[in-house]
Amino acid sequence: MGQLSRRTVLEFLAAGAALPLFSACAKGEAKGKAYPFSLTDDQWRARLTSQEYRILREAGTERAFTSPLDKEKRKGTFLCAGCAHPLFSSRTKFDSRTGWPSFYAPLKGGVGTSTDYKLGYPRTEVHCANCGGHLGHVFDDGPPPTGKRYCMNGVAMDFRPA
C-alpha cells in the first residue's frame, strides 16, 4: 500500500474512523490516576454546572473569547472550579490574544501534565494536581521567563481577588 495523503488522513480522522484507535488516550493520561480530591461521577455532576463538567471531567474546550477570566486584570489567584485548588497567580497571567486565559507559569503544586492524543497527535494537557480536572494545554510559545503558554479554559477556573 502506498503512502496516505494528508487529505486522506484528515478525512479519515474527520469521519471518526480513527476513534477506536485513540479512544483509550482521548481524555489524556490524567484520568487513570488517583488524586487527593476524588468524587464519583454522580457527585461531580451534582457539584459542577454542565459546562464545567464537560470541560473539567470530559476534557472539553470552551469557545474562544467567551470567558470573563480572559480579561481579568485584578491581583489574585485562579482556582480550580472543581475543587478550589490554587492553580495560577495573576502575576503570571498575560494576554496571549488567543481568547483563553493564559499564564506563563503555574503555582508550585498547582497543576500536573499528561500527554493528550485527542486530536490524533500528542499535546501536553494541563490538569488540576488536586482533582485531575482538565484545565487546558501548555505550549512552547509563551513569554519570558519560561517561554510557556498555559492556555486554560476559563470555565475550569474561579478567581479569588487578593
Protein backbone atom coordinates (compact mmCIF):
# COMPACT_ATOMS: atom_id res chain seq x y z
CA MET A 1 0.00 0.00 0.00
CA GLY A 2 1.31 3.47 -0.91
CA GLN A 3 1.64 6.49 1.35
CA LEU A 4 -1.54 8.08 2.58
CA SER A 5 -2.04 11.68 1.53
CA ARG A 6 -2.57 14.35 4.17
CA ARG A 7 -6.09 14.84 2.83
CA THR A 8 -6.90 11.13 3.18
CA VAL A 9 -5.65 11.10 6.76
CA LEU A 10 -7.65 14.24 7.62
CA GLU A 11 -10.80 12.83 6.03
CA PHE A 12 -10.26 9.59 7.97
CA LEU A 13 -9.94 11.49 11.24
CA ALA A 14 -12.85 13.81 10.48
CA ALA A 15 -15.11 10.89 9.70
CA GLY A 16 -14.48 9.47 13.15
CA ALA A 17 -12.93 6.31 11.75
CA ALA A 18 -9.91 6.80 13.97
CA LEU A 19 -11.89 7.00 17.21
CA PRO A 20 -11.25 3.37 18.18
CA LEU A 21 -7.53 3.98 17.67
CA PHE A 22 -7.43 6.94 20.02
CA SER A 23 -10.30 6.27 22.43
CA ALA A 24 -8.04 4.98 25.18
CA CYS A 25 -5.99 8.17 25.02
CA ALA A 26 -8.68 10.69 24.08
CA LYS A 27 -9.05 12.17 27.54
CA GLY A 28 -5.35 12.14 28.40
CA GLU A 29 -3.42 10.07 30.89
CA ALA A 30 -4.70 12.08 33.86
CA LYS A 31 -7.98 10.16 34.02
CA GLY A 32 -6.47 6.89 35.25
CA LYS A 33 -4.53 8.44 38.13
CA ALA A 34 -5.68 8.74 41.75
CA TYR A 35 -5.90 12.31 43.10
CA PRO A 36 -6.13 13.71 46.64
CA PHE A 37 -9.62 15.09 45.92
CA SER A 38 -11.89 12.48 44.38
CA LEU A 39 -15.62 12.21 43.76
CA THR A 40 -17.87 9.76 41.97
CA ASP A 41 -19.20 10.74 38.57
CA ASP A 42 -22.63 11.43 40.09
CA GLN A 43 -21.06 13.66 42.75
CA TRP A 44 -19.12 15.60 40.08
CA ARG A 45 -22.33 16.09 38.06
CA ALA A 46 -24.10 17.42 41.16
CA ARG A 47 -21.21 19.73 42.08
CA LEU A 48 -20.48 21.26 38.66
CA THR A 49 -22.52 23.09 36.05
CA SER A 50 -22.99 21.17 32.81
CA GLN A 51 -20.34 23.31 31.10
CA GLU A 52 -17.86 22.86 33.98
CA TYR A 53 -18.47 19.11 33.90
CA ARG A 54 -17.90 18.94 30.12
CA ILE A 55 -14.60 20.76 30.40
CA LEU A 56 -13.19 19.52 33.71
CA ARG A 57 -14.34 15.90 33.60
CA GLU A 58 -14.67 15.22 29.83
CA ALA A 59 -11.68 17.31 28.64
CA GLY A 60 -13.84 19.70 26.63
CA THR A 61 -12.90 23.17 25.41
CA GLU A 62 -14.86 26.37 25.72
CA ARG A 63 -15.25 28.69 22.74
CA ALA A 64 -12.51 31.32 22.47
CA PHE A 65 -13.28 34.81 23.80
CA THR A 66 -16.25 33.63 25.91
CA SER A 67 -14.67 33.57 29.38
CA PRO A 68 -14.65 36.71 31.54
CA LEU A 69 -11.42 35.38 33.09
CA ASP A 70 -9.62 36.09 29.81
CA LYS A 71 -9.97 39.82 30.59
CA GLU A 72 -9.49 39.52 34.38
CA LYS A 73 -6.82 42.07 35.42
CA ARG A 74 -7.09 42.18 39.21
CA LYS A 75 -4.48 40.76 41.55
CA GLY A 76 -5.41 37.40 42.96
CA THR A 77 -5.38 33.64 42.47
CA PHE A 78 -7.04 31.43 39.87
CA LEU A 79 -8.52 28.28 41.45
CA CYS A 80 -9.82 25.00 40.08
CA ALA A 81 -13.60 25.32 39.61
CA GLY A 82 -13.95 21.69 40.65
CA CYS A 83 -12.11 21.64 43.95
CA ALA A 84 -10.90 25.22 44.68
CA HIS A 85 -7.22 24.17 44.47
CA PRO A 86 -4.91 27.17 43.75
CA LEU A 87 -3.58 26.93 40.17
CA PHE A 88 -2.16 30.24 38.93
CA SER A 89 -1.23 33.65 40.31
CA SER A 90 -2.40 36.77 38.49
CA ARG A 91 1.29 37.78 38.42
CA THR A 92 1.93 35.16 35.72
CA LYS A 93 -1.14 35.96 33.60
CA PHE A 94 -0.65 37.59 30.20
CA ASP A 95 -2.77 38.47 27.17
CA SER A 96 -1.97 35.80 24.58
CA ARG A 97 -4.68 37.16 22.24
CA THR A 98 -5.94 33.59 21.81
CA GLY A 99 -9.25 34.13 23.60
CA TRP A 100 -8.41 31.96 26.60
CA PRO A 101 -6.82 32.95 29.94
CA SER A 102 -3.08 32.37 29.58
CA PHE A 103 -0.25 32.13 32.08
CA TYR A 104 3.50 31.64 31.76
CA ALA A 105 3.81 29.55 34.95
CA PRO A 106 1.55 27.71 37.41
CA LEU A 107 1.75 27.91 41.18
CA LYS A 108 4.01 25.28 42.74
CA GLY A 109 2.00 22.07 43.12
CA GLY A 110 -0.96 23.62 41.30
CA VAL A 111 -1.08 21.60 38.11
CA GLY A 112 0.08 18.38 36.54
CA THR A 113 0.54 17.45 32.92
CA SER A 114 -0.07 14.41 30.79
CA THR A 115 0.00 13.54 27.12
CA ASP A 116 -3.27 14.07 25.27
CA TYR A 117 -3.92 12.36 21.91
CA LYS A 118 -7.47 13.71 21.47
CA LEU A 119 -6.64 15.28 18.09
CA GLY A 120 -4.61 12.28 16.96
CA TYR A 121 -1.21 13.74 17.81
CA PRO A 122 0.47 14.34 21.17
CA ARG A 123 -0.20 17.55 23.09
CA THR A 124 0.59 18.42 26.69
CA GLU A 125 -2.64 18.50 28.68
CA VAL A 126 -2.75 20.51 31.91
CA HIS A 127 -4.89 19.23 34.77
CA CYS A 128 -5.50 20.17 38.38
CA ALA A 129 -2.96 18.46 40.62
CA ASN A 130 -5.62 18.01 43.31
CA CYS A 131 -8.63 16.57 41.44
CA GLY A 132 -7.32 15.78 37.95
CA GLY A 133 -9.78 18.15 36.27
CA HIS A 134 -8.88 19.11 32.70
CA LEU A 135 -7.81 22.76 32.50
CA GLY A 136 -6.33 23.16 29.03
CA HIS A 137 -2.95 22.70 27.34
CA VAL A 138 0.56 24.13 27.58
CA PHE A 139 2.53 25.30 24.55
CA ASP A 140 6.10 26.46 23.96
CA ASP A 141 5.19 29.89 22.54
CA GLY A 142 4.81 31.95 25.71
CA PRO A 143 6.72 34.96 27.02
CA PRO A 144 9.86 35.04 29.16
CA PRO A 145 10.91 33.93 31.63
CA THR A 146 9.53 30.43 30.91
CA GLY A 147 8.59 30.57 27.22
CA LYS A 148 5.45 28.60 28.14
CA ARG A 149 1.81 29.44 27.42
CA TYR A 150 -0.58 27.68 29.75
CA CYS A 151 -3.76 28.13 27.69
CA MET A 152 -6.60 27.47 30.14
CA ASN A 153 -10.35 27.14 29.86
CA GLY A 154 -11.86 29.94 31.94
CA VAL A 155 -14.85 27.73 32.83
CA ALA A 156 -12.44 25.35 34.56
CA MET A 157 -11.31 28.08 36.96
CA ASP A 158 -12.65 30.52 39.53
CA PHE A 159 -10.91 33.76 40.51
CA ARG A 160 -10.22 34.83 44.11
CA PRO A 161 -9.21 38.50 44.34
CA ALA A 162 -6.23 39.34 46.58
